[in-house]
N, C-alpha and C. Protein backbone atom coordinates (compact mmCIF):
# COMPACT_ATOMS: atom_id res chain seq x y z
N MET A 1 1.32 -1.27 0.30
CA MET A 1 -0.03 -0.18 -0.18
C MET A 1 0.95 1.26 -0.24
N SER A 2 0.54 2.09 -0.69
CA SER A 2 1.67 2.98 -1.28
C SER A 2 0.94 4.43 -0.30
N LYS A 3 1.80 5.41 -0.03
CA LYS A 3 1.03 7.06 1.26
C LYS A 3 -0.54 6.73 0.68
N LYS A 4 -0.43 7.28 -0.68
CA LYS A 4 -1.25 7.92 -0.68
C LYS A 4 -2.89 6.89 -0.94
N ASP A 5 -2.41 5.51 -1.17
CA ASP A 5 -3.90 4.58 -0.86
C ASP A 5 -3.89 4.80 1.23
N ILE A 6 -2.96 5.05 1.84
CA ILE A 6 -3.15 5.45 2.85
C ILE A 6 -3.76 6.62 3.67
N LYS A 7 -4.20 7.59 3.04
CA LYS A 7 -4.51 9.46 2.95
C LYS A 7 -5.64 9.04 3.00
N GLU A 8 -5.54 8.04 1.37
CA GLU A 8 -7.35 8.24 1.12
C GLU A 8 -8.41 7.11 2.06
N GLU A 9 -7.35 6.09 2.77
CA GLU A 9 -8.14 5.29 4.06
C GLU A 9 -8.19 6.04 5.01
N LEU A 10 -7.92 7.06 5.41
CA LEU A 10 -7.91 8.00 6.73
C LEU A 10 -8.88 9.17 7.21
N PRO A 11 -9.57 9.23 7.41
CA PRO A 11 -10.98 10.01 7.85
C PRO A 11 -9.87 11.18 7.59
N GLN A 12 -10.38 12.40 6.97
CA GLN A 12 -9.99 14.26 6.73
C GLN A 12 -9.36 14.45 7.48
N GLU A 13 -9.98 14.24 8.54
CA GLU A 13 -9.06 15.11 9.79
C GLU A 13 -7.71 14.60 10.11
N GLU A 14 -7.43 12.87 10.46
CA GLU A 14 -6.27 12.33 10.71
C GLU A 14 -5.52 13.18 9.21
N VAL A 15 -5.70 13.02 8.43
CA VAL A 15 -4.63 13.32 7.09
C VAL A 15 -4.41 15.00 7.46
N LEU A 16 -4.93 15.64 7.81
CA LEU A 16 -4.42 17.36 7.71
C LEU A 16 -3.21 16.80 9.67
N ASN A 17 -3.93 16.18 9.84
CA ASN A 17 -2.62 16.51 10.83
C ASN A 17 -0.86 16.15 11.31
N GLU A 18 -1.18 14.83 9.81
CA GLU A 18 -0.48 13.69 9.13
C GLU A 18 0.36 15.19 9.47
N THR A 19 -0.33 16.19 7.95
CA THR A 19 0.69 16.57 7.05
C THR A 19 1.40 18.08 8.14
N ALA A 20 0.45 18.36 9.33
CA ALA A 20 1.09 19.38 10.02
C ALA A 20 2.37 18.76 10.84
N GLU A 21 1.97 17.22 11.94
CA GLU A 21 3.74 16.63 12.01
C GLU A 21 4.26 17.53 11.39
N GLN A 22 4.10 16.60 9.78
CA GLN A 22 5.34 16.47 8.96
C GLN A 22 5.59 17.92 8.41
N PRO A 23 7.29 18.32 8.38
CA PRO A 23 7.06 19.53 8.74
C PRO A 23 7.32 20.12 7.03
N ASN A 24 7.08 20.48 6.29
CA ASN A 24 7.81 20.88 5.27
C ASN A 24 8.82 20.78 4.35
N GLU A 25 9.36 20.61 3.69
CA GLU A 25 10.58 21.02 2.75
C GLU A 25 10.93 22.54 3.05
N GLU A 26 9.71 22.88 2.13
CA GLU A 26 9.90 24.07 1.46
C GLU A 26 9.80 25.24 3.31
N GLU A 27 9.05 24.40 3.92
CA GLU A 27 8.86 25.31 5.18
C GLU A 27 10.20 25.44 6.05
N GLN A 28 10.70 26.77 6.29
CA GLN A 28 12.16 27.51 7.22
C GLN A 28 11.88 27.20 8.75
N SER A 29 12.64 27.38 8.83
CA SER A 29 12.72 27.76 10.53
C SER A 29 13.31 29.27 10.41
N PRO A 30 12.42 30.30 11.35
CA PRO A 30 12.76 31.70 11.03
C PRO A 30 14.28 31.74 10.86
N GLU A 31 15.35 31.24 12.43
CA GLU A 31 16.41 31.54 12.04
C GLU A 31 17.73 30.84 11.03
N GLN A 32 16.96 30.12 10.05
CA GLN A 32 17.25 29.28 8.65
C GLN A 32 17.75 30.45 8.02
N LYS A 33 15.79 31.09 7.51
CA LYS A 33 15.20 32.31 7.07
C LYS A 33 16.33 33.41 6.89
N ILE A 34 16.72 34.07 8.36
CA ILE A 34 17.56 34.98 8.83
C ILE A 34 18.67 34.86 8.07
N ALA A 35 19.24 33.20 8.15
CA ALA A 35 20.93 33.34 7.87
C ALA A 35 21.04 33.06 7.01
N GLU A 36 19.57 33.05 5.16
CA GLU A 36 19.95 32.68 4.35
C GLU A 36 19.82 34.15 4.11
N LEU A 37 19.08 35.15 4.28
CA LEU A 37 18.77 36.23 3.48
C LEU A 37 20.62 36.99 4.27
N GLU A 38 20.68 37.11 5.07
CA GLU A 38 21.82 37.19 5.98
C GLU A 38 22.64 37.35 4.82
N ALA A 39 23.55 35.92 4.04
CA ALA A 39 24.14 35.53 3.35
C ALA A 39 23.90 35.79 1.88
N LYS A 40 22.75 35.97 0.97
CA LYS A 40 22.18 36.68 -0.16
C LYS A 40 23.04 37.97 0.59
N ILE A 41 22.66 38.93 1.49
CA ILE A 41 23.23 40.57 1.52
C ILE A 41 24.22 40.39 2.04
N ALA A 42 25.04 39.43 2.34
CA ALA A 42 26.15 39.55 2.18
C ALA A 42 26.96 39.16 0.85
N GLU A 43 26.63 38.58 0.15
CA GLU A 43 26.90 38.06 -1.02
C GLU A 43 26.63 39.64 -2.07
N LEU A 44 25.80 40.36 -2.29
CA LEU A 44 25.11 41.25 -2.59
C LEU A 44 25.51 42.42 -2.73
N GLU A 45 26.07 42.90 -1.57
CA GLU A 45 27.21 43.72 -0.65
C GLU A 45 28.65 43.60 -1.31
N ASP A 46 29.39 42.14 -1.51
CA ASP A 46 30.14 42.37 -1.70
C ASP A 46 30.88 42.09 -3.47
N ALA A 47 29.34 41.95 -4.53
CA ALA A 47 28.95 42.32 -5.56
C ALA A 47 29.45 43.93 -5.91
N LYS A 48 27.83 44.38 -5.24
CA LYS A 48 28.47 46.08 -5.27
C LYS A 48 30.05 46.97 -4.94
N LEU A 49 30.84 45.72 -4.26
CA LEU A 49 32.12 46.53 -4.13
C LEU A 49 32.82 46.25 -4.88
N ARG A 50 32.60 45.03 -5.43
CA ARG A 50 33.63 44.74 -6.78
C ARG A 50 33.37 45.17 -7.67
N GLN A 51 32.26 46.31 -7.90
CA GLN A 51 31.76 47.36 -8.82
C GLN A 51 32.49 48.10 -9.16
N ILE A 52 32.66 48.67 -7.56
CA ILE A 52 32.53 50.17 -7.25
C ILE A 52 34.49 49.60 -7.87
N ALA A 53 34.71 48.93 -7.17
CA ALA A 53 36.13 48.97 -7.55
C ALA A 53 37.07 48.52 -9.36
N GLU A 54 36.10 48.18 -9.38
CA GLU A 54 35.86 47.66 -11.55
C GLU A 54 35.44 49.05 -11.69
N PHE A 55 35.07 50.11 -11.38
CA PHE A 55 34.41 51.62 -11.73
C PHE A 55 35.67 52.25 -11.63
N ASP A 56 36.56 52.23 -10.26
CA ASP A 56 37.49 53.11 -10.68
C ASP A 56 38.61 52.67 -10.88
N ASN A 57 38.97 51.44 -11.11
CA ASN A 57 40.10 51.52 -11.97
C ASN A 57 39.29 51.63 -13.73
N TYR A 58 38.94 51.54 -13.95
CA TYR A 58 38.50 51.45 -15.59
C TYR A 58 38.63 53.62 -15.32
N ARG A 59 38.12 54.10 -14.12
CA ARG A 59 37.65 55.41 -14.82
C ARG A 59 39.96 55.51 -14.38
N ARG A 60 40.25 55.17 -13.51
CA ARG A 60 41.55 55.65 -13.67
C ARG A 60 42.28 55.47 -14.62
N ARG A 61 42.13 54.12 -15.29
CA ARG A 61 42.90 53.78 -16.94
C ARG A 61 43.03 54.72 -17.99
N THR A 62 41.60 55.33 -17.64
CA THR A 62 40.62 56.46 -18.78
C THR A 62 41.53 57.37 -18.75
N ASN A 63 41.55 57.93 -17.43
CA ASN A 63 42.22 59.76 -17.08
C ASN A 63 43.99 59.07 -17.25
N LYS A 64 44.43 57.87 -16.86
CA LYS A 64 45.90 57.87 -17.15
C LYS A 64 46.24 57.73 -19.02
N GLU A 65 45.35 57.73 -19.30
CA GLU A 65 45.31 57.13 -21.34
C GLU A 65 44.72 58.52 -21.58
N LYS A 66 43.62 59.40 -21.24
CA LYS A 66 43.61 60.73 -21.52
C LYS A 66 45.16 62.07 -21.51
N LEU A 67 46.07 61.57 -20.44
CA LEU A 67 47.22 62.27 -19.10
C LEU A 67 48.21 62.11 -21.03
N ASP A 68 47.80 60.69 -21.50
CA ASP A 68 49.10 60.13 -22.17
C ASP A 68 49.34 60.39 -23.22
N LEU A 69 47.91 60.75 -24.03
CA LEU A 69 47.59 61.08 -25.46
C LEU A 69 47.28 62.44 -25.20
N ILE A 70 47.66 63.70 -24.22
CA ILE A 70 47.60 65.07 -24.30
C ILE A 70 49.20 65.27 -24.51
N GLU A 71 49.63 64.00 -23.25
CA GLU A 71 51.51 64.68 -23.60
C GLU A 71 52.14 63.90 -24.67
N THR A 72 51.87 62.99 -25.40
CA THR A 72 51.84 62.46 -27.09
C THR A 72 51.16 63.47 -27.93
N ALA A 73 50.58 64.07 -27.71
CA ALA A 73 50.28 64.43 -29.43
C ALA A 73 51.02 66.19 -28.87
N GLY A 74 51.26 66.78 -27.52
CA GLY A 74 52.51 67.84 -27.66
C GLY A 74 54.02 67.61 -27.99
N GLU A 75 54.16 66.05 -27.32
CA GLU A 75 55.71 65.77 -28.74
C GLU A 75 55.64 65.86 -30.12
N ASN A 76 55.02 64.74 -30.20
CA ASN A 76 55.07 65.31 -31.34
C ASN A 76 54.54 66.49 -32.15
N ILE A 77 53.63 67.69 -31.54
CA ILE A 77 54.06 68.88 -32.57
C ILE A 77 55.74 69.36 -31.78
N PHE A 78 56.11 69.42 -30.72
CA PHE A 78 57.00 69.93 -30.95
C PHE A 78 58.60 69.27 -31.67
N LYS A 79 58.00 67.90 -31.93
CA LYS A 79 58.86 66.72 -32.62
C LYS A 79 59.01 67.33 -34.35
N GLU A 80 57.76 67.93 -34.58
CA GLU A 80 58.02 68.44 -36.08
C GLU A 80 58.03 70.13 -36.26
N MET A 81 58.11 71.19 -34.89
CA MET A 81 58.92 72.00 -34.45
C MET A 81 60.58 71.71 -34.68
N LEU A 82 61.20 71.21 -34.74
CA LEU A 82 62.64 71.18 -34.65
C LEU A 82 63.57 71.70 -35.82
N PRO A 83 62.60 71.27 -37.01
CA PRO A 83 63.70 70.89 -38.13
C PRO A 83 63.51 72.72 -38.21
N LEU A 84 62.35 73.39 -37.97
CA LEU A 84 61.85 74.98 -38.09
C LEU A 84 63.36 75.70 -37.50
N ILE A 85 63.55 75.39 -36.30
CA ILE A 85 64.42 75.76 -35.56
C ILE A 85 65.89 75.49 -35.51
N ASP A 86 65.89 74.12 -36.67
CA ASP A 86 67.55 73.94 -37.14
C ASP A 86 67.23 75.20 -38.34
N ASP A 87 66.63 75.51 -38.60
CA ASP A 87 66.65 76.50 -39.81
C ASP A 87 66.93 77.93 -39.12
N PHE A 88 66.21 77.65 -38.31
CA PHE A 88 66.41 79.87 -37.63
C PHE A 88 67.76 79.62 -37.63
N GLU A 89 68.16 78.58 -36.33
CA GLU A 89 69.96 78.33 -36.24
C GLU A 89 71.29 78.64 -37.12
N ARG A 90 70.53 77.92 -38.35
CA ARG A 90 72.13 78.87 -39.65
C ARG A 90 71.88 79.64 -40.20
N ALA A 91 69.80 80.11 -39.86
CA ALA A 91 69.66 81.72 -40.76
C ALA A 91 70.38 82.38 -39.40
N MET A 92 70.61 82.33 -38.60
CA MET A 92 71.77 83.05 -37.87
C MET A 92 72.87 83.02 -37.81
N ASP A 93 73.46 82.09 -37.84
CA ASP A 93 75.07 81.37 -38.52
C ASP A 93 75.15 82.82 -39.72
N ALA A 94 74.62 82.34 -40.47
CA ALA A 94 74.41 82.67 -41.75
C ALA A 94 74.25 84.37 -42.04
N MET A 95 73.64 85.13 -40.86
CA MET A 95 73.40 86.68 -40.77
C MET A 95 74.51 86.91 -40.45
N ASP A 96 76.11 86.32 -39.57
CA ASP A 96 76.51 86.45 -39.04
C ASP A 96 77.95 86.64 -40.18
N LYS A 97 77.86 85.71 -40.74
CA LYS A 97 79.07 84.92 -41.63
C LYS A 97 79.01 85.88 -43.25
N THR A 98 77.42 86.25 -43.65
CA THR A 98 77.67 87.04 -44.92
C THR A 98 77.86 88.33 -45.02
N ASP A 99 77.13 89.16 -46.10
CA ASP A 99 77.32 90.28 -46.16
C ASP A 99 76.46 90.49 -46.87
N ASP A 100 75.76 89.34 -47.56
CA ASP A 100 74.42 89.77 -48.53
C ASP A 100 73.04 89.59 -47.77
N ILE A 101 72.30 91.03 -47.77
CA ILE A 101 71.53 91.23 -46.43
C ILE A 101 70.29 89.75 -47.47
N ASP A 102 70.28 90.36 -49.44
CA ASP A 102 69.21 89.64 -50.04
C ASP A 102 69.21 88.09 -49.66
N ALA A 103 70.01 87.41 -49.48
CA ALA A 103 70.30 85.97 -49.57
C ALA A 103 69.55 85.55 -47.96
N VAL A 104 70.54 86.63 -46.75
CA VAL A 104 69.49 86.52 -45.88
C VAL A 104 68.16 86.07 -45.92
N ARG A 105 67.21 87.41 -46.31
CA ARG A 105 66.17 88.41 -46.53
C ARG A 105 65.41 86.79 -47.57
N GLU A 106 65.68 86.16 -47.94
CA GLU A 106 65.79 84.89 -48.89
C GLU A 106 65.07 84.13 -47.28
N GLY A 107 66.36 83.70 -47.54
CA GLY A 107 66.34 82.31 -46.64
C GLY A 107 65.26 82.52 -44.75
N ILE A 108 65.40 83.65 -44.71
CA ILE A 108 63.95 83.96 -43.51
C ILE A 108 63.03 84.08 -43.74
N ARG A 109 62.75 84.53 -45.22
CA ARG A 109 61.46 84.27 -46.08
C ARG A 109 60.92 82.50 -45.94
N LEU A 110 61.64 81.87 -46.12
CA LEU A 110 61.53 80.55 -46.26
C LEU A 110 61.17 80.01 -45.30
N ILE A 111 61.80 80.33 -44.47
CA ILE A 111 61.22 80.52 -42.91
C ILE A 111 60.40 79.99 -42.39
N GLN A 112 60.03 81.42 -42.81
CA GLN A 112 58.44 81.81 -42.12
C GLN A 112 57.48 80.63 -43.14
N GLN A 113 57.49 80.61 -44.26
CA GLN A 113 56.77 79.80 -45.20
C GLN A 113 56.96 78.67 -44.48
N LYS A 114 57.36 77.92 -44.50
CA LYS A 114 57.35 76.71 -44.17
C LYS A 114 56.96 76.68 -42.71
N PHE A 115 57.02 77.78 -41.54
CA PHE A 115 55.79 78.32 -40.28
C PHE A 115 54.61 77.87 -40.50
N LEU A 116 54.12 78.70 -41.86
CA LEU A 116 53.14 78.69 -42.06
C LEU A 116 52.69 77.65 -42.52
N THR A 117 53.22 76.53 -43.35
CA THR A 117 52.65 75.60 -43.90
C THR A 117 52.72 74.42 -42.60
N PHE A 118 53.86 74.10 -41.99
CA PHE A 118 53.14 73.56 -40.70
C PHE A 118 52.00 74.21 -39.63
N LEU A 119 51.37 75.35 -39.33
CA LEU A 119 50.76 75.62 -38.72
C LEU A 119 49.54 75.41 -39.36
N ASP A 120 49.70 75.58 -41.01
CA ASP A 120 47.95 75.48 -41.67
C ASP A 120 47.96 73.25 -41.82
N LYS A 121 49.33 72.84 -41.21
CA LYS A 121 48.80 71.12 -41.24
C LYS A 121 48.51 71.05 -40.19
N HIS A 122 48.22 71.91 -39.21
CA HIS A 122 47.77 71.45 -37.98
C HIS A 122 46.39 72.48 -37.79
N GLU A 123 45.75 72.79 -38.78
CA GLU A 123 44.59 73.41 -38.60
C GLU A 123 44.44 74.86 -37.99
N VAL A 124 45.72 75.69 -37.84
CA VAL A 124 45.73 76.53 -36.87
C VAL A 124 45.99 78.22 -38.57
N HIS A 125 44.86 78.67 -38.08
CA HIS A 125 44.73 79.65 -39.60
C HIS A 125 44.89 81.40 -38.75
N ALA A 126 45.15 82.25 -39.64
CA ALA A 126 44.98 83.74 -38.75
C ALA A 126 43.59 83.90 -39.01
N ILE A 127 43.37 84.77 -37.96
CA ILE A 127 42.19 85.46 -37.93
C ILE A 127 42.39 87.09 -39.19
N GLU A 128 40.34 86.45 -39.82
CA GLU A 128 40.94 87.46 -40.89
C GLU A 128 40.23 89.05 -40.12
N THR A 129 41.32 90.21 -40.54
CA THR A 129 40.77 91.59 -39.62
C THR A 129 40.78 92.52 -40.65
N GLU A 130 41.23 92.52 -41.78
CA GLU A 130 41.70 93.69 -43.02
C GLU A 130 39.74 94.10 -43.18
N GLY A 131 39.60 94.72 -43.36
CA GLY A 131 38.38 96.00 -43.62
C GLY A 131 36.84 95.01 -43.25
N VAL A 132 36.87 93.89 -42.13
CA VAL A 132 35.99 93.69 -41.85
C VAL A 132 35.90 93.72 -40.33
N GLU A 133 33.58 93.43 -40.05
CA GLU A 133 33.61 94.45 -39.18
C GLU A 133 34.42 93.77 -37.62
N PHE A 134 34.49 94.30 -36.57
CA PHE A 134 34.55 94.05 -35.26
C PHE A 134 33.78 92.68 -34.89
N SER A 135 34.07 92.03 -35.05
CA SER A 135 33.37 90.73 -33.77
C SER A 135 34.02 90.31 -32.35
N THR A 136 33.47 90.77 -31.25
CA THR A 136 34.38 90.18 -29.71
C THR A 136 34.61 88.70 -29.61
N ASP A 137 33.72 87.55 -30.93
CA ASP A 137 34.01 86.71 -30.95
C ASP A 137 35.84 86.08 -31.01
N GLU A 138 35.72 86.80 -32.26
CA GLU A 138 37.31 86.66 -32.54
C GLU A 138 38.38 88.38 -32.94
N HIS A 139 37.54 89.11 -32.43
CA HIS A 139 38.99 90.14 -31.94
C HIS A 139 38.81 91.20 -30.45
N GLU A 140 39.68 91.55 -30.31
CA GLU A 140 39.95 92.52 -29.23
C GLU A 140 40.07 93.47 -29.00
N ALA A 141 39.23 94.55 -29.58
CA ALA A 141 39.38 96.01 -29.32
C ALA A 141 40.47 96.49 -28.42
N ILE A 142 41.52 96.92 -28.92
CA ILE A 142 42.91 97.26 -27.63
C ILE A 142 42.20 99.41 -27.98
N THR A 143 41.53 99.95 -28.69
CA THR A 143 41.23 101.07 -28.96
C THR A 143 40.37 101.48 -29.93
N THR A 144 39.35 102.87 -29.87
CA THR A 144 38.89 103.33 -31.89
C THR A 144 39.46 104.65 -32.13
N PHE A 145 39.17 104.70 -32.94
CA PHE A 145 39.82 105.48 -33.48
C PHE A 145 38.01 106.33 -34.38
N ALA A 146 38.82 107.68 -34.34
CA ALA A 146 37.60 108.29 -35.47
C ALA A 146 37.52 108.12 -36.54
N ALA A 147 37.05 107.90 -37.38
CA ALA A 147 36.53 107.60 -38.77
C ALA A 147 35.49 108.19 -38.97
N GLY A 148 35.68 107.85 -40.71
CA GLY A 148 34.55 108.19 -41.10
C GLY A 148 33.23 107.25 -41.21
N GLU A 149 32.27 107.78 -41.20
CA GLU A 149 30.85 106.85 -41.75
C GLU A 149 30.61 105.92 -41.92
N ASP A 150 31.48 105.34 -42.75
CA ASP A 150 32.07 104.60 -43.87
C ASP A 150 32.68 103.19 -43.30
N LYS A 151 33.52 103.56 -41.56
CA LYS A 151 34.54 102.88 -41.06
C LYS A 151 33.91 102.87 -39.85
N LYS A 152 33.14 102.68 -39.52
CA LYS A 152 32.30 103.18 -38.20
C LYS A 152 32.07 101.24 -37.89
N GLY A 153 32.35 101.02 -36.90
CA GLY A 153 32.26 99.60 -36.63
C GLY A 153 33.62 98.27 -37.51
N LYS A 154 34.66 99.32 -38.00
CA LYS A 154 35.07 98.14 -38.88
C LYS A 154 37.06 98.62 -38.46
N ILE A 155 37.22 97.24 -38.68
CA ILE A 155 38.37 97.25 -37.98
C ILE A 155 39.32 97.46 -39.01
N ILE A 156 40.20 98.96 -38.00
CA ILE A 156 41.14 99.79 -38.88
C ILE A 156 42.74 99.23 -38.84
N ASP A 157 42.92 98.60 -38.03
CA ASP A 157 44.56 98.74 -37.53
C ASP A 157 44.65 97.41 -36.92
N CYS A 158 45.34 95.88 -37.15
CA CYS A 158 45.44 95.18 -36.45
C CYS A 158 47.07 95.26 -35.87
N THR A 159 46.93 95.14 -34.64
CA THR A 159 47.81 95.14 -33.83
C THR A 159 48.90 94.89 -33.98
N GLN A 160 47.72 92.97 -33.40
CA GLN A 160 47.98 91.25 -32.93
C GLN A 160 47.64 90.26 -33.88
N LYS A 161 48.38 89.44 -34.64
CA LYS A 161 46.95 88.92 -35.20
C LYS A 161 46.68 87.74 -34.02
N GLY A 162 46.14 87.37 -34.70
CA GLY A 162 45.07 86.52 -33.79
C GLY A 162 45.14 85.45 -34.40
N TYR A 163 44.44 83.91 -34.25
CA TYR A 163 44.86 82.66 -34.72
C TYR A 163 43.33 81.65 -34.14
N LYS A 164 43.72 81.34 -34.94
CA LYS A 164 42.58 79.61 -34.58
C LYS A 164 42.82 78.59 -34.80
N LEU A 165 42.68 77.63 -33.83
CA LEU A 165 43.09 75.60 -33.95
C LEU A 165 41.11 75.48 -34.22
N GLY A 166 41.38 75.23 -36.06
CA GLY A 166 40.46 74.69 -36.11
C GLY A 166 39.27 75.85 -36.27
N ASP A 167 38.08 75.80 -35.72
CA ASP A 167 37.26 76.64 -35.22
C ASP A 167 37.42 77.76 -33.97
N LYS A 168 37.95 76.80 -33.12
CA LYS A 168 38.45 77.59 -31.65
C LYS A 168 39.34 78.43 -32.20
N VAL A 169 39.18 79.38 -31.45
CA VAL A 169 40.06 80.71 -31.23
C VAL A 169 41.33 80.24 -29.65
N ILE A 170 41.96 80.61 -30.23
CA ILE A 170 43.23 79.86 -29.34
C ILE A 170 43.80 81.98 -28.95
N ARG A 171 44.07 82.09 -29.37
CA ARG A 171 44.33 83.79 -29.39
C ARG A 171 43.18 84.99 -30.09
N PHE A 172 43.11 85.89 -29.66
CA PHE A 172 42.09 86.70 -30.34
C PHE A 172 43.59 88.27 -30.94
N ALA A 173 42.53 88.32 -32.01
CA ALA A 173 43.33 89.50 -32.37
C ALA A 173 43.12 90.98 -32.07
N LYS A 174 44.33 91.29 -31.66
CA LYS A 174 44.13 92.97 -31.14
C LYS A 174 43.75 94.10 -32.53
N VAL A 175 43.12 94.69 -32.13
CA VAL A 175 42.87 95.61 -33.86
C VAL A 175 42.19 97.22 -32.84
N VAL A 176 42.08 97.80 -33.83
CA VAL A 176 42.01 99.58 -33.47
C VAL A 176 40.63 99.59 -34.35
N VAL A 177 39.39 99.90 -33.48
CA VAL A 177 38.24 100.01 -34.13
C VAL A 177 38.10 101.28 -34.66
N GLY A 178 37.56 101.77 -36.02
CA GLY A 178 36.73 103.01 -36.16
C GLY A 178 35.73 103.14 -35.34
N GLU A 179 34.83 104.06 -35.52
CA GLU A 179 33.71 104.71 -34.87
C GLU A 179 33.38 106.68 -35.26
């Protein structure tokens, strides 16, 4: 006879008592539930701490990579400028050794052209100032000058060139503005 057959033969009241006496495997004592929940909490806290540590390591690594990239970019630009310095040194030596001022002038012009090509390669461009309207986005007015009505608000003279790196102004042009 199986348990099922026995239960069917027993009166209903006895079946209820039998199930009440035998602890269900799914039912646990409160101490067991507490211990299980505490273990789960400890596991979750550990996982949280590990994620925080991983994020900290990620942030440090990316910051270090950014700094390395900035330093390397600066290094590359200076390496490309070294030939220009060499050219200036040769020009200085030539000025001391020669009386041919035209040859020295031509050498300086070549160096200037080489430097302008270097700036153009790195997207550094002079800000336009000749005959344009004064703009606070690109120009810095150092003074105003009384001019005719046709020159009012326009740039009359540029005392120091301004430059842009791409679309960002890296030095404002210092200008005299007509009023």
